[in-house]
Amino acid sequence: MCTVGSPWLSQVKMAAKVSTECVVLSNGVKMPILGLGTSHHGGFSQSAIVYALRDCGIRLIDTAKRYGCEEQLGAAIKQSGVPREQIFVTTKLWPLDYGYESTKTAFKESCKRLGVDYLDLYLIHWPDCPRGKGQDNRTIRAETWRALEDLYSKGLCRAIGVSNFLVPHLEQLIQDCTVVPHVNQVEYHPYQNPKDLMRFCQAHSIAVEGYCPLAKGSALKEPAITTIATKYQKTPAQILIRWSIQNGVVTIPKSTKEERIRENCQVLDFQLRENDMEYLNGLHADLHMSWNPAGIP
């Protein structure tokens, strides 16, 4: 029999907490506030995905066609034994597939690779469009979004959104569309905390999802963050993820290591004090560790 202080019971409690903490999108769909990102950078670990789903209670998995691991992710979901309807699956449309008909084709191909018949969230990956399309970015984005709206209206996507869109891109899309994006996934960490974009999304009921929450590791070395971590008896990574979540941002750290995934999940049992949140909010330096969409018309 397990005792109250047993590691096994602690992990069970952690998994239960992780699997139930959600944000509610503008259409009423519940989206887990903490997930796991996948990428071609740093490799792909099927066993890590299975561990995150089965042992840590992760219920949000983010991927993209661009990453080249949709098929492996689908296999990991099946191997985990977690029912499909309990997992919030997100993938993204790459610019080479933009356009009304090609978007629908790309969607079907992604679903086939993932082994699913619907997506919980489908995102336009990037605001820029291939020059060979012969149209301006705004027109192509609107045409592409119309395809996502059709997929959404048919129940093939529970929610639709964009990624790496700035305020001007969102303003144009909202003017051109029927369904306002449910989610905008952007780079988000203390060095990249775009307050104007956050306010715009909040005003239009667009949930913000943040990738790169550890600033590719550079924020882990920030002296003030290590000091805050010591105060809360947490790791710097846990402080950064907690800060993101506490700002209302759906957060998707990446890792292929089980111990890191477990560490990243242990962030829902404490809260940062207001003064610590304010300090971390003040570290914004408009510093991108990933793609920078500024300047894209």
C-alpha atoms as a PDB file:
ATOM      1  CA  MET A   1       0.000   0.000   0.000  1.00  0.00           C
ATOM      2  CA  CYS A   2       1.259   3.472  -0.894  1.00  0.00           C
ATOM      3  CA  THR A   3       1.896   6.030   1.790  1.00  0.00           C
ATOM      4  CA  VAL A   4       1.008   9.689   1.440  1.00  0.00           C
ATOM      5  CA  GLY A   5       4.591  10.650   0.806  1.00  0.00           C
ATOM      6  CA  SER A   6       5.378   7.966  -1.752  1.00  0.00           C
ATOM      7  CA  PRO A   7       6.869   9.056  -5.101  1.00  0.00           C
ATOM      8  CA  TRP A   8       4.312   6.895  -6.917  1.00  0.00           C
ATOM      9  CA  LEU A   9       1.368   8.683  -5.292  1.00  0.00           C
ATOM     10  CA  SER A  10       2.959  12.073  -5.956  1.00  0.00           C
ATOM     11  CA  GLN A  11       3.268  11.226  -9.638  1.00  0.00           C
ATOM     12  CA  VAL A  12      -0.350  10.059  -9.773  1.00  0.00           C
ATOM     13  CA  LYS A  13      -1.493  13.360  -8.238  1.00  0.00           C
ATOM     14  CA  MET A  14       0.701  15.308 -10.664  1.00  0.00           C
ATOM     15  CA  ALA A  15      -0.700  13.417 -13.655  1.00  0.00           C
ATOM     16  CA  ALA A  16      -4.276  14.004 -12.504  1.00  0.00           C
ATOM     17  CA  LYS A  17      -3.620  17.741 -12.131  1.00  0.00           C
ATOM     18  CA  VAL A  18      -1.874  18.066 -15.500  1.00  0.00           C
ATOM     19  CA  SER A  19      -4.646  16.227 -17.334  1.00  0.00           C
ATOM     20  CA  THR A  20      -7.441  18.460 -15.985  1.00  0.00           C
ATOM     21  CA  GLU A  21      -6.043  22.036 -16.029  1.00  0.00           C
ATOM     22  CA  CYS A  22      -7.518  23.734 -19.116  1.00  0.00           C
ATOM     23  CA  VAL A  23      -8.354  27.004 -20.792  1.00  0.00           C
ATOM     24  CA  VAL A  24     -11.717  27.395 -22.498  1.00  0.00           C
ATOM     25  CA  LEU A  25     -11.532  28.616 -26.085  1.00  0.00           C
ATOM     26  CA  SER A  26     -14.029  31.120 -27.489  1.00  0.00           C
ATOM     27  CA  ASN A  27     -16.111  28.269 -28.955  1.00  0.00           C
ATOM     28  CA  GLY A  28     -16.312  26.424 -25.629  1.00  0.00           C
ATOM     29  CA  VAL A  29     -13.680  23.798 -26.449  1.00  0.00           C
ATOM     30  CA  LYS A  30     -11.413  23.000 -23.499  1.00  0.00           C
ATOM     31  CA  MET A  31      -7.691  23.068 -24.269  1.00  0.00           C
ATOM     32  CA  PRO A  32      -5.108  21.769 -21.768  1.00  0.00           C
ATOM     33  CA  ILE A  33      -2.990  24.613 -20.456  1.00  0.00           C
ATOM     34  CA  LEU A  34       0.170  22.494 -20.393  1.00  0.00           C
ATOM     35  CA  GLY A  35       1.314  20.268 -23.218  1.00  0.00           C
ATOM     36  CA  LEU A  36       4.319  18.803 -24.961  1.00  0.00           C
ATOM     37  CA  GLY A  37       5.859  20.184 -28.114  1.00  0.00           C
ATOM     38  CA  THR A  38       7.501  18.018 -30.739  1.00  0.00           C
ATOM     39  CA  SER A  39       9.976  19.088 -33.378  1.00  0.00           C
ATOM     40  CA  HIS A  40      12.611  17.977 -35.825  1.00  0.00           C
ATOM     41  CA  HIS A  41      15.149  19.956 -33.771  1.00  0.00           C
ATOM     42  CA  GLY A  42      16.827  17.717 -31.195  1.00  0.00           C
ATOM     43  CA  GLY A  43      15.271  14.554 -32.548  1.00  0.00           C
ATOM     44  CA  PHE A  44      12.010  12.798 -31.814  1.00  0.00           C
ATOM     45  CA  SER A  45      11.488  10.275 -29.031  1.00  0.00           C
ATOM     46  CA  GLN A  46       8.464   8.029 -29.317  1.00  0.00           C
ATOM     47  CA  SER A  47       9.089   6.643 -25.842  1.00  0.00           C
ATOM     48  CA  ALA A  48       9.107  10.189 -24.419  1.00  0.00           C
ATOM     49  CA  ILE A  49       5.687  10.894 -25.950  1.00  0.00           C
ATOM     50  CA  VAL A  50       4.327   7.646 -24.526  1.00  0.00           C
ATOM     51  CA  TYR A  51       5.774   8.520 -21.109  1.00  0.00           C
ATOM     52  CA  ALA A  52       4.277  12.030 -21.197  1.00  0.00           C
ATOM     53  CA  LEU A  53       0.821  10.682 -22.039  1.00  0.00           C
ATOM     54  CA  ARG A  54       0.807   7.574 -19.882  1.00  0.00           C
ATOM     55  CA  ASP A  55       2.754   8.609 -16.795  1.00  0.00           C
ATOM     56  CA  CYS A  56       2.617  12.414 -16.599  1.00  0.00           C
ATOM     57  CA  GLY A  57      -0.969  13.082 -17.604  1.00  0.00           C
ATOM     58  CA  ILE A  58      -0.056  15.240 -20.605  1.00  0.00           C
ATOM     59  CA  ARG A  59      -3.103  15.575 -22.847  1.00  0.00           C
ATOM     60  CA  LEU A  60      -1.935  18.224 -25.336  1.00  0.00           C
ATOM     61  CA  ILE A  61       0.551  17.270 -28.039  1.00  0.00           C
ATOM     62  CA  ASP A  62       1.740  19.827 -30.579  1.00  0.00           C
ATOM     63  CA  THR A  63       3.382  19.004 -33.895  1.00  0.00           C
ATOM     64  CA  ALA A  64       3.486  20.211 -37.516  1.00  0.00           C
ATOM     65  CA  LYS A  65       3.900  18.836 -41.002  1.00  0.00           C
ATOM     66  CA  ARG A  66       7.166  20.796 -41.156  1.00  0.00           C
ATOM     67  CA  TYR A  67       8.618  18.750 -38.286  1.00  0.00           C
ATOM     68  CA  GLY A  68       8.325  15.470 -40.162  1.00  0.00           C
ATOM     69  CA  CYS A  69       7.172  13.422 -37.169  1.00  0.00           C
ATOM     70  CA  GLU A  70       3.388  13.217 -37.548  1.00  0.00           C
ATOM     71  CA  GLU A  71       3.469   9.507 -38.355  1.00  0.00           C
ATOM     72  CA  GLN A  72       5.702   8.684 -35.389  1.00  0.00           C
ATOM     73  CA  LEU A  73       3.502  10.790 -33.127  1.00  0.00           C
ATOM     74  CA  GLY A  74       0.447   8.864 -34.269  1.00  0.00           C
ATOM     75  CA  ALA A  75       2.198   5.616 -33.396  1.00  0.00           C
ATOM     76  CA  ALA A  76       3.133   6.972 -29.953  1.00  0.00           C
ATOM     77  CA  ILE A  77      -0.465   7.980 -29.251  1.00  0.00           C
ATOM     78  CA  LYS A  78      -1.639   4.470 -30.058  1.00  0.00           C
ATOM     79  CA  GLN A  79       1.142   2.897 -28.008  1.00  0.00           C
ATOM     80  CA  SER A  80       0.261   5.019 -24.977  1.00  0.00           C
ATOM     81  CA  GLY A  81      -3.148   3.403 -24.653  1.00  0.00           C
ATOM     82  CA  VAL A  82      -4.725   6.779 -23.840  1.00  0.00           C
ATOM     83  CA  PRO A  83      -8.047   7.067 -25.699  1.00  0.00           C
ATOM     84  CA  ARG A  84      -7.891   9.402 -28.695  1.00  0.00           C
ATOM     85  CA  GLU A  85     -10.769  11.532 -27.402  1.00  0.00           C
ATOM     86  CA  GLN A  86      -8.746  12.357 -24.274  1.00  0.00           C
ATOM     87  CA  ILE A  87      -5.814  13.800 -26.248  1.00  0.00           C
ATOM     88  CA  PHE A  88      -5.772  17.313 -27.701  1.00  0.00           C
ATOM     89  CA  VAL A  89      -3.866  16.890 -30.978  1.00  0.00           C
ATOM     90  CA  THR A  90      -2.511  19.958 -32.774  1.00  0.00           C
ATOM     91  CA  THR A  91      -0.696  20.120 -36.086  1.00  0.00           C
ATOM     92  CA  LYS A  92       0.123  22.933 -38.480  1.00  0.00           C
ATOM     93  CA  LEU A  93      -0.189  23.756 -42.155  1.00  0.00           C
ATOM     94  CA  TRP A  94       3.084  24.659 -43.884  1.00  0.00           C
ATOM     95  CA  PRO A  95       3.158  27.633 -46.333  1.00  0.00           C
ATOM     96  CA  LEU A  96       3.877  25.439 -49.367  1.00  0.00           C
ATOM     97  CA  ASP A  97       0.372  24.023 -48.856  1.00  0.00           C
ATOM     98  CA  TYR A  98      -1.408  27.374 -48.562  1.00  0.00           C
ATOM     99  CA  GLY A  99      -4.439  27.938 -50.769  1.00  0.00           C
ATOM    100  CA  TYR A 100      -8.006  26.665 -50.544  1.00  0.00           C
ATOM    101  CA  GLU A 101      -7.791  23.234 -52.182  1.00  0.00           C
ATOM    102  CA  SER A 102      -4.186  22.471 -51.221  1.00  0.00           C
ATOM    103  CA  THR A 103      -4.994  23.229 -47.578  1.00  0.00           C
ATOM    104  CA  LYS A 104      -7.750  20.621 -47.567  1.00  0.00           C
ATOM    105  CA  THR A 105      -5.430  18.081 -49.186  1.00  0.00           C
ATOM    106  CA  ALA A 106      -2.670  18.803 -46.659  1.00  0.00           C
ATOM    107  CA  PHE A 107      -5.162  18.428 -43.809  1.00  0.00           C
ATOM    108  CA  LYS A 108      -6.203  14.968 -44.998  1.00  0.00           C
ATOM    109  CA  GLU A 109      -2.572  13.923 -45.382  1.00  0.00           C
ATOM    110  CA  SER A 110      -1.690  15.107 -41.864  1.00  0.00           C
ATOM    111  CA  CYS A 111      -4.664  13.234 -40.400  1.00  0.00           C
ATOM    112  CA  LYS A 112      -3.627  10.093 -42.268  1.00  0.00           C
ATOM    113  CA  ARG A 113      -0.060  10.307 -40.971  1.00  0.00           C
ATOM    114  CA  LEU A 114      -1.321  10.913 -37.430  1.00  0.00           C
ATOM    115  CA  GLY A 115      -3.832   8.084 -37.685  1.00  0.00           C
ATOM    116  CA  VAL A 116      -6.763  10.303 -36.681  1.00  0.00           C
ATOM    117  CA  ASP A 117     -10.009  11.282 -38.371  1.00  0.00           C
ATOM    118  CA  TYR A 118     -10.184  14.762 -36.833  1.00  0.00           C
ATOM    119  CA  LEU A 119      -7.882  17.335 -35.257  1.00  0.00           C
ATOM    120  CA  ASP A 120      -8.451  19.231 -32.050  1.00  0.00           C
ATOM    121  CA  LEU A 121      -6.580  22.238 -33.410  1.00  0.00           C
ATOM    122  CA  TYR A 122      -5.271  23.052 -36.893  1.00  0.00           C
ATOM    123  CA  LEU A 123      -2.988  26.069 -37.278  1.00  0.00           C
ATOM    124  CA  ILE A 124      -1.659  28.145 -40.152  1.00  0.00           C
ATOM    125  CA  HIS A 125       2.033  27.846 -39.312  1.00  0.00           C
ATOM    126  CA  TRP A 126       3.458  31.154 -40.587  1.00  0.00           C
ATOM    127  CA  PRO A 127       2.113  34.471 -41.911  1.00  0.00           C
ATOM    128  CA  ASP A 128       4.388  34.638 -44.958  1.00  0.00           C
ATOM    129  CA  CYS A 129       3.341  32.927 -48.185  1.00  0.00           C
ATOM    130  CA  PRO A 130       5.313  31.423 -51.091  1.00  0.00           C
ATOM    131  CA  ARG A 131       6.006  33.983 -53.782  1.00  0.00           C
ATOM    132  CA  GLY A 132       5.091  31.458 -56.487  1.00  0.00           C
ATOM    133  CA  LYS A 133       1.411  31.619 -55.528  1.00  0.00           C
ATOM    134  CA  GLY A 134       1.047  34.807 -57.582  1.00  0.00           C
ATOM    135  CA  GLN A 135      -1.032  36.643 -54.980  1.00  0.00           C
ATOM    136  CA  ASP A 136      -0.288  38.911 -52.047  1.00  0.00           C
ATOM    137  CA  ASN A 137       0.051  37.479 -48.550  1.00  0.00           C
ATOM    138  CA  ARG A 138      -3.273  38.803 -47.316  1.00  0.00           C
ATOM    139  CA  THR A 139      -5.225  37.206 -50.160  1.00  0.00           C
ATOM    140  CA  ILE A 140      -3.494  33.847 -49.756  1.00  0.00           C
ATOM    141  CA  ARG A 141      -3.972  33.862 -45.981  1.00  0.00           C
ATOM    142  CA  ALA A 142      -7.690  34.642 -46.407  1.00  0.00           C
ATOM    143  CA  GLU A 143      -8.112  31.883 -49.004  1.00  0.00           C
ATOM    144  CA  THR A 144      -6.278  29.424 -46.776  1.00  0.00           C
ATOM    145  CA  TRP A 145      -8.325  30.448 -43.752  1.00  0.00           C
ATOM    146  CA  ARG A 146     -11.536  29.883 -45.702  1.00  0.00           C
ATOM    147  CA  ALA A 147     -10.470  26.243 -46.087  1.00  0.00           C
ATOM    148  CA  LEU A 148      -9.877  25.991 -42.329  1.00  0.00           C
ATOM    149  CA  GLU A 149     -13.316  27.469 -41.705  1.00  0.00           C
ATOM    150  CA  ASP A 150     -14.830  24.779 -43.934  1.00  0.00           C
ATOM    151  CA  LEU A 151     -12.958  22.022 -42.089  1.00  0.00           C
ATOM    152  CA  TYR A 152     -14.153  23.513 -38.799  1.00  0.00           C
ATOM    153  CA  SER A 153     -17.779  23.787 -39.935  1.00  0.00           C
ATOM    154  CA  LYS A 154     -17.720  20.105 -40.943  1.00  0.00           C
ATOM    155  CA  GLY A 155     -16.443  19.052 -37.513  1.00  0.00           C
ATOM    156  CA  LEU A 156     -13.074  17.886 -38.829  1.00  0.00           C
ATOM    157  CA  CYS A 157     -11.304  20.413 -36.570  1.00  0.00           C
ATOM    158  CA  ARG A 158     -12.585  21.220 -33.107  1.00  0.00           C
ATOM    159  CA  ALA A 159     -10.748  24.551 -33.257  1.00  0.00           C
ATOM    160  CA  ILE A 160      -8.681  26.487 -35.787  1.00  0.00           C
ATOM    161  CA  GLY A 161      -5.986  29.077 -35.398  1.00  0.00           C
ATOM    162  CA  VAL A 162      -2.737  30.619 -36.511  1.00  0.00           C
ATOM    163  CA  SER A 163       0.885  30.621 -35.441  1.00  0.00           C
ATOM    164  CA  ASN A 164       3.444  33.424 -35.381  1.00  0.00           C
ATOM    165  CA  PHE A 165       0.839  36.035 -36.383  1.00  0.00           C
ATOM    166  CA  LEU A 166       1.356  39.608 -35.223  1.00  0.00           C
ATOM    167  CA  VAL A 167      -1.359  42.218 -34.695  1.00  0.00           C
ATOM    168  CA  PRO A 168      -1.435  43.453 -38.333  1.00  0.00           C
ATOM    169  CA  HIS A 169      -1.795  39.869 -39.621  1.00  0.00           C
ATOM    170  CA  LEU A 170      -4.622  39.198 -37.177  1.00  0.00           C
ATOM    171  CA  GLU A 171      -6.370  42.470 -37.994  1.00  0.00           C
ATOM    172  CA  GLN A 172      -6.416  41.603 -41.686  1.00  0.00           C
ATOM    173  CA  LEU A 173      -7.587  38.044 -41.107  1.00  0.00           C
ATOM    174  CA  ILE A 174     -10.407  39.122 -38.797  1.00  0.00           C
ATOM    175  CA  GLN A 175     -11.589  41.589 -41.440  1.00  0.00           C
ATOM    176  CA  ASP A 176     -11.501  38.876 -44.111  1.00  0.00           C
ATOM    177  CA  CYS A 177     -12.907  35.908 -42.207  1.00  0.00           C
ATOM    178  CA  THR A 178     -16.096  34.595 -40.659  1.00  0.00           C
ATOM    179  CA  VAL A 179     -14.561  32.617 -37.783  1.00  0.00           C
ATOM    180  CA  VAL A 180     -12.085  34.538 -35.632  1.00  0.00           C
ATOM    181  CA  PRO A 181      -9.021  32.366 -34.861  1.00  0.00           C
ATOM    182  CA  HIS A 182      -9.455  30.449 -31.637  1.00  0.00           C
ATOM    183  CA  VAL A 183      -5.703  30.296 -30.946  1.00  0.00           C
ATOM    184  CA  ASN A 184      -2.531  32.187 -31.855  1.00  0.00           C
ATOM    185  CA  GLN A 185       0.608  30.184 -31.121  1.00  0.00           C
ATOM    186  CA  VAL A 186       3.688  32.380 -30.706  1.00  0.00           C
ATOM    187  CA  GLU A 187       7.130  32.376 -29.154  1.00  0.00           C
ATOM    188  CA  TYR A 188       6.649  33.270 -25.492  1.00  0.00           C
ATOM    189  CA  HIS A 189       9.139  33.627 -22.655  1.00  0.00           C
ATOM    190  CA  PRO A 190      10.274  36.505 -20.405  1.00  0.00           C
ATOM    191  CA  TYR A 191      12.532  37.925 -23.142  1.00  0.00           C
ATOM    192  CA  GLN A 192       9.692  37.751 -25.689  1.00  0.00           C
ATOM    193  CA  ASN A 193       6.538  38.917 -23.937  1.00  0.00           C
ATOM    194  CA  PRO A 194       4.637  40.918 -26.595  1.00  0.00           C
ATOM    195  CA  LYS A 195       2.130  42.821 -24.479  1.00  0.00           C
ATOM    196  CA  ASP A 196       0.397  44.588 -27.399  1.00  0.00           C
ATOM    197  CA  LEU A 197      -0.201  41.243 -29.094  1.00  0.00           C
ATOM    198  CA  MET A 198      -1.420  39.727 -25.833  1.00  0.00           C
ATOM    199  CA  ARG A 199      -3.883  42.591 -25.312  1.00  0.00           C
ATOM    200  CA  PHE A 200      -5.150  42.300 -28.884  1.00  0.00           C
ATOM    201  CA  CYS A 201      -5.702  38.561 -28.544  1.00  0.00           C
ATOM    202  CA  GLN A 202      -7.502  39.024 -25.240  1.00  0.00           C
ATOM    203  CA  ALA A 203      -9.754  41.715 -26.732  1.00  0.00           C
ATOM    204  CA  HIS A 204     -10.755  39.339 -29.539  1.00  0.00           C
ATOM    205  CA  SER A 205     -11.056  36.203 -27.361  1.00  0.00           C
ATOM    206  CA  ILE A 206      -8.068  34.552 -29.059  1.00  0.00           C
ATOM    207  CA  ALA A 207      -6.217  32.185 -26.739  1.00  0.00           C
ATOM    208  CA  VAL A 208      -2.436  32.563 -26.754  1.00  0.00           C
ATOM    209  CA  GLU A 209      -0.297  29.439 -26.901  1.00  0.00           C
ATOM    210  CA  GLY A 210       3.403  29.822 -26.205  1.00  0.00           C
ATOM    211  CA  TYR A 211       6.279  27.794 -27.570  1.00  0.00           C
ATOM    212  CA  CYS A 212       9.959  28.080 -26.600  1.00  0.00           C
ATOM    213  CA  PRO A 213       9.083  28.863 -22.928  1.00  0.00           C
ATOM    214  CA  LEU A 214      12.673  28.340 -21.769  1.00  0.00           C
ATOM    215  CA  ALA A 215      14.072  30.660 -24.467  1.00  0.00           C
ATOM    216  CA  LYS A 216      16.022  27.671 -25.799  1.00  0.00           C
ATOM    217  CA  GLY A 217      17.745  27.367 -22.445  1.00  0.00           C
ATOM    218  CA  SER A 218      19.144  30.889 -22.268  1.00  0.00           C
ATOM    219  CA  ALA A 219      16.635  32.022 -19.625  1.00  0.00           C
ATOM    220  CA  LEU A 220      17.680  29.153 -17.358  1.00  0.00           C
ATOM    221  CA  LYS A 221      20.914  31.030 -16.691  1.00  0.00           C
ATOM    222  CA  GLU A 222      19.279  34.367 -15.852  1.00  0.00           C
ATOM    223  CA  PRO A 223      20.521  35.145 -12.294  1.00  0.00           C
ATOM    224  CA  ALA A 224      17.189  36.569 -11.152  1.00  0.00           C
ATOM    225  CA  ILE A 225      15.358  33.475 -12.385  1.00  0.00           C
ATOM    226  CA  THR A 226      17.708  31.135 -10.545  1.00  0.00           C
ATOM    227  CA  THR A 227      17.213  33.241  -7.402  1.00  0.00           C
ATOM    228  CA  ILE A 228      13.420  33.011  -7.733  1.00  0.00           C
ATOM    229  CA  ALA A 229      13.716  29.262  -8.321  1.00  0.00           C
ATOM    230  CA  THR A 230      15.673  28.851  -5.099  1.00  0.00           C
ATOM    231  CA  LYS A 231      13.048  30.836  -3.178  1.00  0.00           C
ATOM    232  CA  TYR A 232      10.244  28.524  -4.348  1.00  0.00           C
ATOM    233  CA  GLN A 233      12.397  25.382  -4.163  1.00  0.00           C
ATOM    234  CA  LYS A 234      11.762  24.805  -7.858  1.00  0.00           C
ATOM    235  CA  THR A 235      13.988  24.617 -10.922  1.00  0.00           C
ATOM    236  CA  PRO A 236      14.454  27.584 -13.274  1.00  0.00           C
ATOM    237  CA  ALA A 237      12.540  25.664 -15.963  1.00  0.00           C
ATOM    238  CA  GLN A 238       9.594  25.210 -13.608  1.00  0.00           C
ATOM    239  CA  ILE A 239       9.590  28.922 -12.776  1.00  0.00           C
ATOM    240  CA  LEU A 240       9.541  29.857 -16.475  1.00  0.00           C
ATOM    241  CA  ILE A 241       6.734  27.450 -17.326  1.00  0.00           C
ATOM    242  CA  ARG A 242       4.747  28.525 -14.271  1.00  0.00           C
ATOM    243  CA  TRP A 243       5.180  32.199 -15.239  1.00  0.00           C
ATOM    244  CA  SER A 244       3.837  31.468 -18.710  1.00  0.00           C
ATOM    245  CA  ILE A 245       0.845  29.500 -17.426  1.00  0.00           C
ATOM    246  CA  GLN A 246       0.096  32.102 -14.759  1.00  0.00           C
ATOM    247  CA  ASN A 247      -0.106  34.702 -17.523  1.00  0.00           C
ATOM    248  CA  GLY A 248      -2.884  32.602 -19.037  1.00  0.00           C
ATOM    249  CA  VAL A 249      -0.755  31.216 -21.862  1.00  0.00           C
ATOM    250  CA  VAL A 250      -1.116  27.606 -23.003  1.00  0.00           C
ATOM    251  CA  THR A 251       2.464  26.367 -22.708  1.00  0.00           C
ATOM    252  CA  ILE A 252       4.184  23.625 -24.723  1.00  0.00           C
ATOM    253  CA  PRO A 253       7.771  22.962 -23.629  1.00  0.00           C
ATOM    254  CA  LYS A 254       9.712  20.442 -25.704  1.00  0.00           C
ATOM    255  CA  SER A 255      11.834  17.576 -24.426  1.00  0.00           C
ATOM    256  CA  THR A 256      12.803  14.052 -25.416  1.00  0.00           C
ATOM    257  CA  LYS A 257      14.010  13.156 -21.908  1.00  0.00           C
ATOM    258  CA  GLU A 258      11.640  11.599 -19.406  1.00  0.00           C
ATOM    259  CA  GLU A 259      13.182  13.350 -16.407  1.00  0.00           C
ATOM    260  CA  ARG A 260      12.766  16.753 -18.082  1.00  0.00           C
ATOM    261  CA  ILE A 261       9.181  16.031 -19.085  1.00  0.00           C
ATOM    262  CA  ARG A 262       8.385  15.064 -15.497  1.00  0.00           C
ATOM    263  CA  GLU A 263      10.104  18.213 -14.206  1.00  0.00           C
ATOM    264  CA  ASN A 264       8.196  20.401 -16.653  1.00  0.00           C
ATOM    265  CA  CYS A 265       4.895  18.943 -15.471  1.00  0.00           C
ATOM    266  CA  GLN A 266       5.495  19.762 -11.807  1.00  0.00           C
ATOM    267  CA  VAL A 267       4.315  23.361 -12.134  1.00  0.00           C
ATOM    268  CA  LEU A 268       0.668  23.258 -11.119  1.00  0.00           C
ATOM    269  CA  ASP A 269       1.155  22.888  -7.366  1.00  0.00           C
ATOM    270  CA  PHE A 270       2.385  26.428  -6.648  1.00  0.00           C
ATOM    271  CA  GLN A 271       1.854  30.053  -7.668  1.00  0.00           C
ATOM    272  CA  LEU A 272       4.337  32.843  -8.211  1.00  0.00           C
ATOM    273  CA  ARG A 273       3.795  35.911  -6.053  1.00  0.00           C
ATOM    274  CA  GLU A 274       2.707  39.135  -7.728  1.00  0.00           C
ATOM    275  CA  ASN A 275       6.080  40.842  -7.289  1.00  0.00           C
ATOM    276  CA  ASP A 276       7.888  37.911  -8.906  1.00  0.00           C
ATOM    277  CA  MET A 277       5.425  37.890 -11.809  1.00  0.00           C
ATOM    278  CA  GLU A 278       5.948  41.631 -12.275  1.00  0.00           C
ATOM    279  CA  TYR A 279       9.718  41.211 -12.272  1.00  0.00           C
ATOM    280  CA  LEU A 280       9.614  38.441 -14.875  1.00  0.00           C
ATOM    281  CA  ASN A 281       7.133  40.432 -16.959  1.00  0.00           C
ATOM    282  CA  GLY A 282       9.666  43.259 -16.980  1.00  0.00           C
ATOM    283  CA  LEU A 283      12.405  41.191 -18.635  1.00  0.00           C
ATOM    284  CA  HIS A 284      10.899  41.628 -22.105  1.00  0.00           C
ATOM    285  CA  ALA A 285      13.603  42.641 -24.595  1.00  0.00           C
ATOM    286  CA  ASP A 286      11.826  41.774 -27.878  1.00  0.00           C
ATOM    287  CA  LEU A 287      14.359  38.966 -28.232  1.00  0.00           C
ATOM    288  CA  HIS A 288      13.453  36.078 -30.532  1.00  0.00           C
ATOM    289  CA  MET A 289      15.075  32.673 -30.093  1.00  0.00           C
ATOM    290  CA  SER A 290      13.118  31.267 -33.004  1.00  0.00           C
ATOM    291  CA  TRP A 291      11.446  32.727 -36.107  1.00  0.00           C
ATOM    292  CA  ASN A 292      10.749  36.451 -36.175  1.00  0.00           C
ATOM    293  CA  PRO A 293       7.630  37.395 -38.178  1.00  0.00           C
ATOM    294  CA  ALA A 294       8.252  41.142 -37.931  1.00  0.00           C
ATOM    295  CA  GLY A 295       8.308  42.780 -41.337  1.00  0.00           C
ATOM    296  CA  ILE A 296       6.087  40.200 -43.032  1.00  0.00           C
ATOM    297  CA  PRO A 297       3.273  42.058 -44.833  1.00  0.00           C
END
